[in-house]
Protein backbone atom coordinates (compact mmCIF):
# COMPACT_ATOMS: atom_id res chain seq x y z
CA MET A 1 -5.73 -7.74 -95.55
CA LYS A 2 -9.28 -6.51 -96.24
CA GLN A 3 -10.24 -2.78 -95.89
CA THR A 4 -12.83 -4.08 -93.57
CA THR A 5 -10.22 -5.94 -91.16
CA ARG A 6 -7.56 -3.29 -90.98
CA THR A 7 -10.62 -0.75 -90.48
CA LEU A 8 -11.50 -2.80 -87.21
CA ILE A 9 -7.91 -3.33 -85.73
CA THR A 10 -8.07 0.54 -85.90
CA LEU A 11 -11.10 0.79 -84.17
CA VAL A 12 -9.83 -1.45 -81.66
CA VAL A 13 -6.48 -0.11 -80.99
CA LEU A 14 -8.37 2.93 -80.77
CA ALA A 15 -10.75 2.01 -78.04
CA ALA A 16 -7.83 0.62 -75.76
CA ALA A 17 -5.81 3.63 -76.30
CA GLY A 18 -9.00 5.60 -75.10
CA ALA A 19 -10.03 3.52 -72.29
CA GLY A 20 -6.49 3.53 -71.03
CA LEU A 21 -6.58 7.05 -71.27
CA ALA A 22 -9.93 7.65 -69.29
CA LEU A 23 -7.80 4.97 -66.59
CA TYR A 24 -5.09 7.17 -66.41
CA ALA A 25 -6.92 10.30 -65.98
CA SER A 26 -9.48 8.34 -63.20
CA TRP A 27 -6.32 7.18 -61.42
CA GLY A 28 -4.61 10.66 -61.80
CA VAL A 29 -7.97 12.22 -60.73
CA GLN A 30 -8.17 9.60 -57.62
CA LYS A 31 -4.18 10.34 -56.68
CA ALA A 32 -4.42 14.04 -56.60
CA ASP A 33 -8.03 13.30 -54.42
CA GLU A 34 -5.76 11.47 -51.72
CA ARG A 35 -3.00 14.17 -51.64
CA HIS A 36 -5.56 17.00 -51.44
CA GLU A 37 -7.08 14.83 -48.28
CA ALA A 38 -3.76 14.10 -46.68
CA GLN A 39 -3.20 17.75 -46.95
CA LYS A 40 -6.26 18.40 -45.75
CA ASP A 41 -6.06 16.08 -42.47
CA HIS A 42 -2.36 17.81 -41.91
CA ASP A 43 -3.85 21.42 -41.90
CA ASP A 44 -6.64 20.59 -39.75
CA ARG A 45 -4.84 19.07 -37.31
CA LEU A 46 -3.77 21.59 -34.21
CA PHE A 47 -0.33 20.54 -34.72
CA ALA A 48 1.21 18.17 -37.23
CA PRO A 49 4.96 18.39 -37.09
CA GLU A 50 5.63 15.65 -39.32
CA LYS A 51 5.19 16.90 -43.49
CA VAL A 52 2.76 15.29 -45.91
CA GLY A 53 4.18 11.85 -46.95
CA GLU A 54 7.16 12.42 -44.51
CA LYS A 55 8.95 9.17 -43.73
CA GLY A 56 11.59 8.19 -41.47
CA ALA A 57 15.16 6.70 -42.63
CA ASP A 58 13.60 3.23 -42.81
CA GLY A 59 10.85 4.25 -44.86
CA GLY A 60 8.58 3.94 -41.73
CA THR A 61 6.12 6.65 -40.01
CA VAL A 62 8.83 9.23 -38.88
CA GLU A 63 9.87 9.67 -35.18
CA VAL A 64 8.60 12.92 -34.01
CA ALA A 65 9.64 13.75 -29.96
CA PHE A 66 7.93 16.49 -28.04
CA VAL A 67 10.92 18.17 -26.17
CA LYS A 68 9.41 22.23 -24.59
CA LEU A 69 6.19 23.35 -24.03
CA THR A 70 5.76 26.99 -22.88
CA LEU A 71 2.10 27.49 -21.56
CA THR A 72 1.08 31.33 -20.22
CA THR A 73 -2.15 31.66 -18.57
CA SER A 74 -3.39 34.51 -16.53
CA GLY A 75 -0.18 36.10 -17.41
CA VAL A 76 2.52 33.29 -15.72
CA THR A 77 4.43 32.08 -18.21
CA THR A 78 5.42 27.77 -17.34
CA THR A 79 7.95 26.40 -19.43
CA VAL A 80 8.43 22.60 -19.17
CA GLU A 81 11.32 20.59 -20.83
CA ARG A 82 12.55 16.85 -21.23
CA ASN A 83 15.96 16.63 -19.54
CA GLY A 84 18.84 14.38 -20.01
CA ASN A 85 17.06 11.11 -18.39
CA GLY A 86 13.84 12.04 -20.93
CA ALA A 87 11.88 12.68 -18.32
CA TRP A 88 9.50 16.16 -18.14
CA GLN A 89 10.86 19.10 -15.69
CA VAL A 90 9.21 22.38 -15.01
CA THR A 91 12.17 24.74 -15.68
CA ALA A 92 10.38 28.00 -15.26
CA PRO A 93 9.25 29.63 -12.71
CA VAL A 94 10.28 27.23 -10.53
CA ALA A 95 12.39 23.75 -11.16
CA ALA A 96 10.52 20.99 -10.25
CA PRO A 97 9.49 17.74 -11.43
CA ALA A 98 6.14 17.65 -13.81
CA ASP A 99 3.57 16.28 -13.83
CA ARG A 100 3.86 13.42 -16.79
CA PHE A 101 -0.10 13.02 -16.81
CA ALA A 102 -0.79 16.54 -17.24
CA ILE A 103 1.86 16.90 -19.80
CA ASP A 104 0.33 13.53 -21.75
CA ALA A 105 -2.84 15.44 -21.82
CA VAL A 106 -1.29 18.57 -23.74
CA THR A 107 0.81 16.40 -26.12
CA SER A 108 -2.03 14.01 -26.84
CA GLN A 109 -4.73 17.02 -27.69
CA LEU A 110 -1.98 18.78 -29.73
CA GLN A 111 -2.11 15.95 -32.04
CA THR A 112 -5.36 14.22 -32.21
CA THR A 113 -7.37 17.31 -31.94
CA LYS A 114 -8.97 19.01 -35.68
CA ILE A 115 -10.18 22.29 -36.64
CA LYS A 116 -13.70 22.03 -36.52
CA ALA A 117 -14.20 25.48 -38.95
CA VAL A 118 -12.53 28.40 -40.42
CA ILE A 119 -14.42 31.21 -38.73
CA ASP A 120 -12.89 34.48 -39.68
CA GLU A 121 -9.85 34.76 -42.27
CA ALA A 122 -9.29 38.47 -42.01
CA PRO A 123 -10.06 39.65 -38.83
CA ASP A 124 -10.34 43.47 -37.97
CA ALA A 125 -9.34 44.62 -34.40
CA ALA A 126 -13.17 44.73 -33.17
CA ALA A 127 -13.66 41.46 -34.27
CA GLU A 128 -9.98 40.18 -32.90
CA ALA A 129 -11.51 41.41 -29.53
CA LYS A 130 -14.80 39.79 -29.73
CA TYR A 131 -12.78 36.52 -30.42
CA GLY A 132 -11.31 37.23 -27.40
CA LEU A 133 -7.47 37.31 -29.33
CA VAL A 134 -6.36 40.90 -28.50
CA ALA A 135 -4.92 39.35 -24.87
CA PRO A 136 -5.80 35.51 -25.59
CA GLN A 137 -6.72 33.54 -22.40
CA TRP A 138 -4.16 31.22 -22.72
CA VAL A 139 -0.75 30.53 -25.51
CA LEU A 140 0.88 27.30 -25.97
CA VAL A 141 4.31 27.24 -27.89
CA ALA A 142 4.91 23.73 -28.45
CA GLU A 143 8.36 22.26 -29.78
CA VAL A 144 9.52 19.05 -31.51
CA LEU A 145 12.12 16.96 -32.82
CA VAL A 146 11.45 15.08 -35.76
CA GLY A 147 13.11 12.17 -37.46
CA ASP A 148 16.97 10.84 -37.44
CA ALA A 149 18.41 14.40 -38.08
CA LYS A 150 16.19 15.65 -34.98
CA GLU A 151 15.10 18.94 -36.64
CA ARG A 152 13.19 21.34 -34.27
CA ARG A 153 9.61 22.13 -35.54
CA THR A 154 7.46 24.34 -33.53
CA VAL A 155 3.33 25.58 -33.17
CA THR A 156 2.45 28.40 -31.71
CA LEU A 157 -1.64 28.39 -30.29
CA GLU A 158 -3.63 31.10 -28.75
CA GLY A 159 -6.81 30.48 -26.94
CA GLY A 160 -10.00 32.89 -27.19
CA ILE A 161 -13.28 33.05 -25.31
CA GLU A 162 -15.68 30.25 -25.59
CA ASN A 163 -18.06 30.47 -28.30
CA THR A 164 -21.51 29.91 -26.01
CA PHE A 165 -23.47 28.90 -29.23
CA ASP A 166 -21.74 25.23 -29.62
CA GLY A 167 -19.41 25.71 -26.67
CA THR A 168 -16.33 25.39 -29.43
CA VAL A 169 -13.21 27.78 -28.35
CA PHE A 170 -11.81 30.27 -30.79
CA LEU A 171 -8.13 29.99 -31.76
CA ARG A 172 -4.95 31.65 -33.62
CA ARG A 173 -2.03 29.40 -34.72
CA ASN A 174 1.24 30.38 -35.78
CA HIS A 175 0.36 34.17 -35.47
CA GLU A 176 -1.56 34.12 -38.67
CA ARG A 177 -4.64 35.97 -39.25
CA THR A 178 -7.30 33.52 -39.49
CA VAL A 179 -9.57 32.56 -36.59
CA TYR A 180 -10.76 28.90 -36.21
CA SER A 181 -13.14 27.62 -33.84
CA VAL A 182 -11.56 24.12 -31.44
CA PRO A 183 -13.38 21.57 -29.50
CA GLY A 184 -13.79 23.16 -25.76
CA GLY A 185 -12.04 20.35 -24.78
CA VAL A 186 -8.89 22.15 -25.96
CA ARG A 187 -8.79 25.36 -23.16
CA TRP A 188 -9.42 22.45 -20.28
CA SER A 189 -5.72 20.46 -21.79
CA PHE A 190 -4.23 23.68 -22.60
CA ALA A 191 -4.85 26.57 -19.92
CA LYS A 192 -2.87 24.99 -17.64
CA THR A 193 -1.12 27.13 -14.54
CA THR A 194 2.28 26.18 -12.81
CA PHE A 195 0.40 24.13 -10.60
CA ASP A 196 -1.31 22.65 -12.87
CA LEU A 197 1.78 20.72 -14.44
CA ARG A 198 4.07 20.50 -11.11
CA ASP A 199 4.41 17.02 -9.69
CA LYS A 200 2.37 17.19 -6.53
CA SER A 201 3.90 13.59 -5.00
CA ILE A 202 5.40 14.83 -1.80
CA PHE A 203 6.47 11.01 -1.77
CA PRO A 204 7.47 9.79 -5.33
CA ALA A 205 8.92 6.34 -4.66
CA ASP A 206 7.04 3.21 -4.63
CA GLU A 207 7.23 1.18 -1.27
CA SER A 208 9.48 -1.74 -2.88
CA GLU A 209 12.44 1.12 -3.32
CA VAL A 210 12.21 2.19 0.36
CA ILE A 211 14.68 -0.38 2.47
CA ALA A 212 14.67 1.56 5.82
CA LEU A 213 12.07 3.71 7.60
CA SER A 214 12.38 5.88 10.84
CA VAL A 215 9.35 7.69 12.19
CA LYS A 216 8.87 10.37 14.82
CA GLY A 217 5.46 10.93 15.85
CA THR A 218 3.00 12.09 18.48
CA HIS A 219 1.92 8.33 18.83
CA SER A 220 5.31 6.56 18.52
CA SER A 221 8.74 6.53 17.29
CA PHE A 222 10.08 3.13 15.58
CA THR A 223 12.40 2.19 13.09
CA ALA A 224 11.87 -0.66 10.10
CA GLU A 225 14.36 -2.22 7.95
CA ARG A 226 13.93 -4.88 5.35
CA ASP A 227 15.71 -8.05 6.57
CA GLY A 228 17.88 -10.65 4.01
CA GLU A 229 14.50 -11.81 2.63
CA LYS A 230 13.52 -8.07 1.93
CA ARG A 231 10.81 -8.76 4.33
CA TRP A 232 9.93 -5.89 6.98
CA ARG A 233 11.08 -5.83 10.39
CA ILE A 234 10.28 -3.52 13.38
CA VAL A 235 13.93 -3.17 14.85
CA GLN A 236 13.45 -0.33 17.39
CA PRO A 237 12.21 -0.10 20.09
CA PHE A 238 11.82 -3.66 19.82
CA ASP A 239 12.75 -6.60 17.50
CA ASP A 240 10.12 -8.34 15.81
CA ALA A 241 8.60 -8.95 12.47
CA ALA A 242 6.54 -5.96 10.87
CA ASP A 243 3.27 -6.53 9.61
CA GLN A 244 4.10 -6.51 5.91
CA GLU A 245 0.70 -5.61 4.44
CA ALA A 246 0.35 -2.84 6.93
CA LEU A 247 3.99 -1.26 5.80
CA LYS A 248 3.07 -1.73 2.48
CA GLY A 249 -0.35 0.08 3.00
CA MET A 250 1.42 2.68 4.36
CA LEU A 251 4.11 3.35 2.05
CA GLY A 252 1.08 3.27 -1.01
CA ALA A 253 -0.76 6.02 1.00
CA LEU A 254 1.95 8.21 1.56
CA LYS A 255 2.81 7.61 -2.14
CA ASN A 256 -0.74 8.80 -3.44
CA GLU A 257 -0.57 12.14 -0.88
CA LYS A 258 -0.44 15.28 -3.40
CA ALA A 259 0.25 18.61 -2.33
CA ILE A 260 -2.81 21.17 -2.36
CA ALA A 261 -0.67 24.23 -2.97
CA PHE A 262 3.52 25.32 -2.78
CA PRO A 263 3.77 28.36 -0.37
CA ASP A 264 6.64 30.38 -1.43
CA ASP A 265 9.55 28.67 0.71
CA GLY A 266 11.58 30.34 3.44
CA ALA A 267 12.80 30.37 7.29
CA ALA A 268 10.18 32.97 7.92
CA PHE A 269 7.24 30.97 6.94
CA ARG A 270 8.72 27.62 8.01
CA HIS A 271 8.26 29.36 11.54
CA GLU A 272 5.12 30.94 11.03
CA VAL A 273 3.83 27.45 9.90
CA GLY A 274 5.61 25.39 12.96
CA LEU A 275 8.03 23.26 10.71
CA GLU A 276 10.81 24.11 13.16
CA THR A 277 8.61 22.24 16.03
CA PRO A 278 7.33 19.57 13.84
CA THR A 279 4.53 17.00 14.36
CA LEU A 280 6.09 14.36 12.59
CA VAL A 281 9.26 13.52 11.23
CA ALA A 282 9.88 10.68 8.82
CA THR A 283 13.08 9.89 7.24
CA PHE A 284 13.16 7.07 4.65
CA THR A 285 16.37 5.19 3.11
CA THR A 286 16.32 3.44 -0.39
CA ALA A 287 18.77 2.15 -2.52
CA GLY A 288 22.77 3.41 -2.60
CA ALA A 289 21.60 4.58 1.11
CA GLN A 290 20.09 7.90 -0.19
CA LYS A 291 18.13 9.32 2.46
CA THR A 292 14.81 11.34 2.00
CA THR A 293 13.20 12.96 4.92
CA LEU A 294 9.88 14.55 5.32
CA THR A 295 8.84 16.98 7.95
CA PHE A 296 5.17 17.90 8.80
CA SER A 297 3.68 20.87 10.79
CA ARG A 298 0.12 21.29 11.49
CA GLN A 299 -1.35 24.72 11.92
CA GLN A 300 -4.27 26.01 13.47
CA ALA A 301 -5.58 29.62 13.40
CA ASP A 302 -7.87 31.29 15.93
CA GLY A 303 -11.05 29.68 14.97
CA GLY A 304 -10.34 28.63 11.65
CA ASP A 305 -9.58 25.37 9.70
CA THR A 306 -6.36 22.99 10.22
CA ARG A 307 -3.83 23.48 8.04
CA ALA A 308 -0.77 20.70 7.47
CA PHE A 309 2.91 21.48 5.67
CA VAL A 310 5.28 19.54 4.65
CA ALA A 311 9.00 19.73 4.19
CA ARG A 312 11.20 17.61 1.99
CA ASP A 313 14.80 17.07 2.10
CA GLY A 314 17.39 14.54 0.95
CA ALA A 315 17.71 12.61 -1.87
CA LEU A 316 13.99 13.31 -4.00
CA GLY A 317 14.72 16.66 -3.86
CA PRO A 318 13.88 19.81 -2.18
CA LEU A 319 9.94 20.88 -1.32
CA LEU A 320 7.52 22.45 0.80
CA ALA A 321 4.06 21.92 0.00
CA GLU A 322 0.68 21.96 1.76
CA VAL A 323 -1.21 19.30 2.42
CA ALA A 324 -4.75 17.57 3.56
CA PRO A 325 -4.10 17.97 7.47
CA THR A 326 -4.59 14.02 7.35
CA ALA A 327 -1.78 13.52 5.08
CA PRO A 328 1.05 12.58 7.84
CA GLY A 329 -1.94 9.79 9.37
CA PRO A 330 -0.78 6.91 7.64
CA LEU A 331 2.77 6.96 9.41
CA ASP A 332 1.54 8.19 12.62
CA ARG A 333 1.34 4.49 14.18
CA SER A 334 3.06 3.04 16.75
CA ALA A 335 5.05 -0.05 16.71
CA GLY A 336 2.61 -2.17 18.12
CA GLU A 337 0.04 -1.71 15.50
CA LEU A 338 2.96 -2.47 12.77
CA LYS A 339 4.00 -5.90 14.32
CA ASP A 340 2.76 -8.58 12.39
CA ARG A 341 -0.30 -10.46 14.09
CA ALA A 342 0.61 -13.76 12.51
CA ILE A 343 0.35 -16.16 14.36
CA LEU A 344 2.39 -18.94 12.78
CA THR A 345 4.53 -18.18 9.41
CA PHE A 346 5.62 -21.35 7.81
CA PRO A 347 5.86 -22.40 3.65
CA ARG A 348 2.51 -24.18 2.80
CA ASP A 349 4.66 -26.14 0.21
CA ALA A 350 7.29 -27.22 2.50
CA VAL A 351 4.72 -29.09 4.97
CA ARG A 352 4.76 -33.01 4.90
CA SER A 353 3.56 -33.81 8.01
CA VAL A 354 0.71 -32.83 10.61
CA ARG A 355 0.58 -34.04 13.94
CA VAL A 356 -2.49 -33.00 16.16
CA HIS A 357 -2.46 -33.11 19.69
CA PRO A 358 -5.88 -33.21 21.07
CA ALA A 359 -6.65 -32.71 25.07
CA SER A 360 -7.14 -36.45 25.77
CA GLY A 361 -6.51 -39.93 23.24
CA ASP A 362 -4.07 -40.49 20.66
CA ASP A 363 -2.38 -37.61 18.33
CA VAL A 364 -4.08 -37.42 15.12
CA VAL A 365 -1.16 -38.01 12.44
CA LEU A 366 -1.33 -37.15 8.82
CA GLU A 367 1.20 -37.01 6.36
CA ARG A 368 1.59 -35.93 2.57
CA SER A 369 2.93 -37.82 -0.16
CA ALA A 370 4.05 -37.56 -3.71
CA GLY A 371 1.11 -38.72 -6.40
CA THR A 372 2.11 -41.38 -9.28
CA ASP A 373 2.61 -41.03 -12.48
CA GLY A 374 2.87 -37.02 -11.76
CA GLY A 375 -0.67 -36.63 -10.33
CA ALA A 376 -1.88 -34.54 -7.23
CA GLU A 377 -0.27 -35.32 -4.19
CA THR A 378 -2.31 -37.16 -1.68
CA TRP A 379 -2.67 -36.96 2.06
CA ALA A 380 -3.30 -40.17 4.48
CA VAL A 381 -4.27 -40.60 8.14
CA LYS A 382 -1.02 -42.40 9.92
CA GLY A 383 -2.41 -42.57 13.00
CA PRO A 384 -5.04 -44.06 15.10
CA GLY A 385 -6.15 -45.80 11.87
CA GLY A 386 -5.04 -45.29 9.03
CA GLY A 387 -6.33 -44.30 5.37
CA PRO A 388 -6.98 -41.96 3.06
CA ALA A 389 -7.88 -37.76 4.27
CA LYS A 390 -10.26 -35.81 2.95
CA PRO A 391 -7.53 -33.33 0.68
CA PHE A 392 -9.70 -30.18 1.29
CA LYS A 393 -9.42 -30.44 4.80
CA LEU A 394 -5.69 -30.73 5.00
CA ALA A 395 -5.84 -27.35 2.66
CA THR A 396 -8.48 -25.63 4.48
CA LEU A 397 -6.22 -26.35 7.44
CA LEU A 398 -2.95 -25.12 6.26
CA TRP A 399 -4.64 -22.13 5.32
CA THR A 400 -6.15 -21.33 8.74
CA LEU A 401 -2.94 -22.22 10.70
CA GLY A 402 -1.47 -19.46 8.15
CA SER A 403 -3.84 -16.84 8.45
CA LEU A 404 -4.54 -16.47 12.12
CA LYS A 405 -3.79 -13.31 13.43
CA ALA A 406 -3.49 -12.50 17.34
CA THR A 407 -5.75 -9.97 18.72
CA THR A 408 -3.89 -8.95 21.54
CA PHE A 409 -0.21 -9.45 22.24
CA GLY A 410 0.71 -10.65 25.96
CA ASP A 411 3.57 -11.90 28.22
CA THR A 412 7.25 -12.32 26.33
CA ARG A 413 9.00 -15.74 28.13
CA PRO A 414 6.83 -15.47 30.64
CA LYS A 415 8.00 -17.75 33.92
CA ASP A 416 4.99 -19.81 33.71
CA TRP A 417 3.27 -21.03 30.61
CA ALA A 418 0.68 -23.08 31.85
CA LYS A 419 -0.64 -20.45 33.95
CA TYR A 420 -2.27 -19.55 30.25
CA GLY A 421 -2.90 -23.30 29.55
CA LEU A 422 0.42 -23.35 27.33
CA GLY A 423 3.19 -25.67 27.09
CA PRO A 424 3.83 -29.35 26.35
CA SER A 425 1.21 -30.81 27.55
CA ALA A 426 -1.31 -28.17 25.70
CA ARG A 427 -3.62 -28.83 22.74
CA SER A 428 -1.10 -28.33 19.72
CA VAL A 429 -0.71 -28.73 15.96
CA THR A 430 2.72 -29.32 14.69
CA LEU A 431 3.59 -29.05 11.39
CA VAL A 432 7.14 -31.13 10.14
CA ASP A 433 8.62 -30.81 6.46
CA GLY A 434 10.05 -33.69 4.28
CA ALA A 435 13.47 -34.02 6.86
CA GLY A 436 11.73 -34.34 10.26
CA ALA A 437 12.87 -30.77 10.97
CA VAL A 438 10.03 -28.71 12.86
CA LEU A 439 8.53 -25.67 10.66
CA ALA A 440 6.26 -24.46 13.34
CA ARG A 441 3.78 -25.49 15.96
CA LEU A 442 1.09 -24.00 17.54
CA GLU A 443 -0.24 -24.04 21.23
CA LEU A 444 -3.37 -23.71 21.87
CA GLY A 445 -4.22 -22.24 25.85
CA LYS A 446 -7.18 -21.86 28.02
CA ASP A 447 -9.89 -19.29 27.37
CA VAL A 448 -8.89 -15.25 28.39
CA PRO A 449 -10.74 -14.56 31.30
CA GLY A 450 -13.39 -11.43 30.38
CA LYS A 451 -12.92 -12.05 26.95
CA PRO A 452 -15.69 -14.38 25.65
CA GLY A 453 -14.41 -16.30 22.63
CA LEU A 454 -10.87 -15.30 22.83
CA ILE A 455 -8.22 -17.67 23.96
CA TYR A 456 -4.55 -17.88 24.54
CA PHE A 457 -1.68 -19.39 21.55
CA ARG A 458 1.74 -19.83 21.57
CA GLY A 459 3.13 -19.92 18.00
CA ASN A 460 6.63 -18.96 16.46
CA ARG A 461 6.95 -16.09 19.14
CA ASP A 462 8.12 -16.86 22.63
CA GLN A 463 4.84 -14.52 23.71
CA VAL A 464 1.74 -15.23 25.05
CA LEU A 465 -1.26 -14.12 22.49
CA GLU A 466 -4.81 -13.95 22.41
CA GLY A 467 -6.66 -15.13 19.16
CA ASP A 468 -9.89 -15.62 17.74
CA ALA A 469 -11.42 -19.39 19.57
CA SER A 470 -13.33 -19.69 16.31
CA ARG A 471 -10.60 -20.56 13.90
CA LEU A 472 -10.27 -24.09 16.00
CA THR A 473 -13.15 -25.17 14.00
CA GLU A 474 -11.00 -26.65 11.29
CA ILE A 475 -8.18 -28.58 13.61
CA PRO A 476 -9.26 -32.18 13.21
CA PHE A 477 -8.72 -33.19 16.73
CA THR A 478 -9.66 -36.84 16.01
CA ALA A 479 -9.11 -39.42 12.82
CA ALA A 480 -12.70 -39.05 11.90
CA GLU A 481 -12.88 -35.69 11.06
CA VAL A 482 -10.49 -35.94 8.20
CA LEU A 483 -10.51 -39.45 7.15
CA GLU A 484 -12.49 -40.34 3.97
CA PRO A 485 -16.02 -42.05 4.40
CA ALA A 486 -14.80 -44.84 2.72
CA ALA A 487 -11.66 -45.28 4.47
CA GLN A 488 -13.83 -44.61 8.13
CA LYS A 489 -16.20 -47.48 7.35
CA LYS A 490 -13.26 -50.01 6.51
CA ASP A 491 -11.67 -48.82 9.53
CA ALA A 492 -14.54 -49.81 11.68
CA GLY A 493 -14.56 -52.86 10.00
CA GLY A 494 -17.41 -52.61 7.57
């Protein structure tokens, strides 16, 4: 090998080695920068319980679970902890369920908020006073369990005053000397009182969980229970179907009611605010025959505003709270108001035949049949005459019949139905299923005297009902009203 060749090879090797060293150095610098950025991001977070680069047993993100929060505001310390079921509970200075949304706001702020700037690394006493950290505005201690080993880690944050220049808040962490500035929103999440952290629901149960309800109020007393199909029914002072939406709305409104204060409980206070002579008492039964009672009272000082209070006893735990004066309103209703006002109740999909009996002339008979080859079902006029029926007309008719509501309830099982224009000869609509069984029958009676626009009805109940006559426009009292146009022409001999 010539000397020039050996020299060229040597130069190539040296160049490759140099490039490799440069690449390695560059990679090392990049990795160092990444580690530095990761460490900075970790340190800048208010609370980063996991260590930089820490992984779970499966190599994924390490699991972090908040288990305890201790907040001191205005000299009062509130402790909130997870119970055995994983739910948050206020444990001091009272024992009560916690407001999970307030707790979520705290834990979310802890994990996502970052320090904006370092303000002072070694403040003296005068500086600490200037930042409001000699006697902090609030103090938060958060505890978490980290990883499979459930290692307990904590952070302590002390909040100072607001920096009026930019709206940030001065803060100190883990009793360090350094003072930081953080976004002003931190104060609203962390400066919480016991009241702020308590669940303020007076009846934290869903409507679907309640199986019975008994109310004694100023307007009336009633008892409602769910039947075998889980539909509400009034069982006292009469036995009748209940307005499902009214009961749902009542319990939904109650669930949304919140306490506006938690006064100190005691026999003397209960007597003072009238809970011994309540304005309304409601008892709820949930699964397992668990009962909860709400006792409401109202109090009006001389020339002052009306105040309302509620005492809760039973399965949902004891509670005494001040509530809005309107809080018992949704429950204080008469049994008559809660009665189901539906004139007819029937399964629309089960209807296979409709018979309309007019005041005079032949009955209009309509039948539904299954579509061929999986097509849509069709309706046909079977008499008088015959031919395909307008499907939208039938759909509208069934919807109208199912949505008819009584405006007034009249006599039950009257001796003389004909007095109201009701009975076998009355105009009527009869709905029949595929087996020929009657699903529902609506009878249309006379006009209600002195009530323009209202007529008498008889539906599912053996009771005279009053309702809106304008809804009758959807009932086809003649075949021509429901026949398809082509069928009408053919039927007329065209």
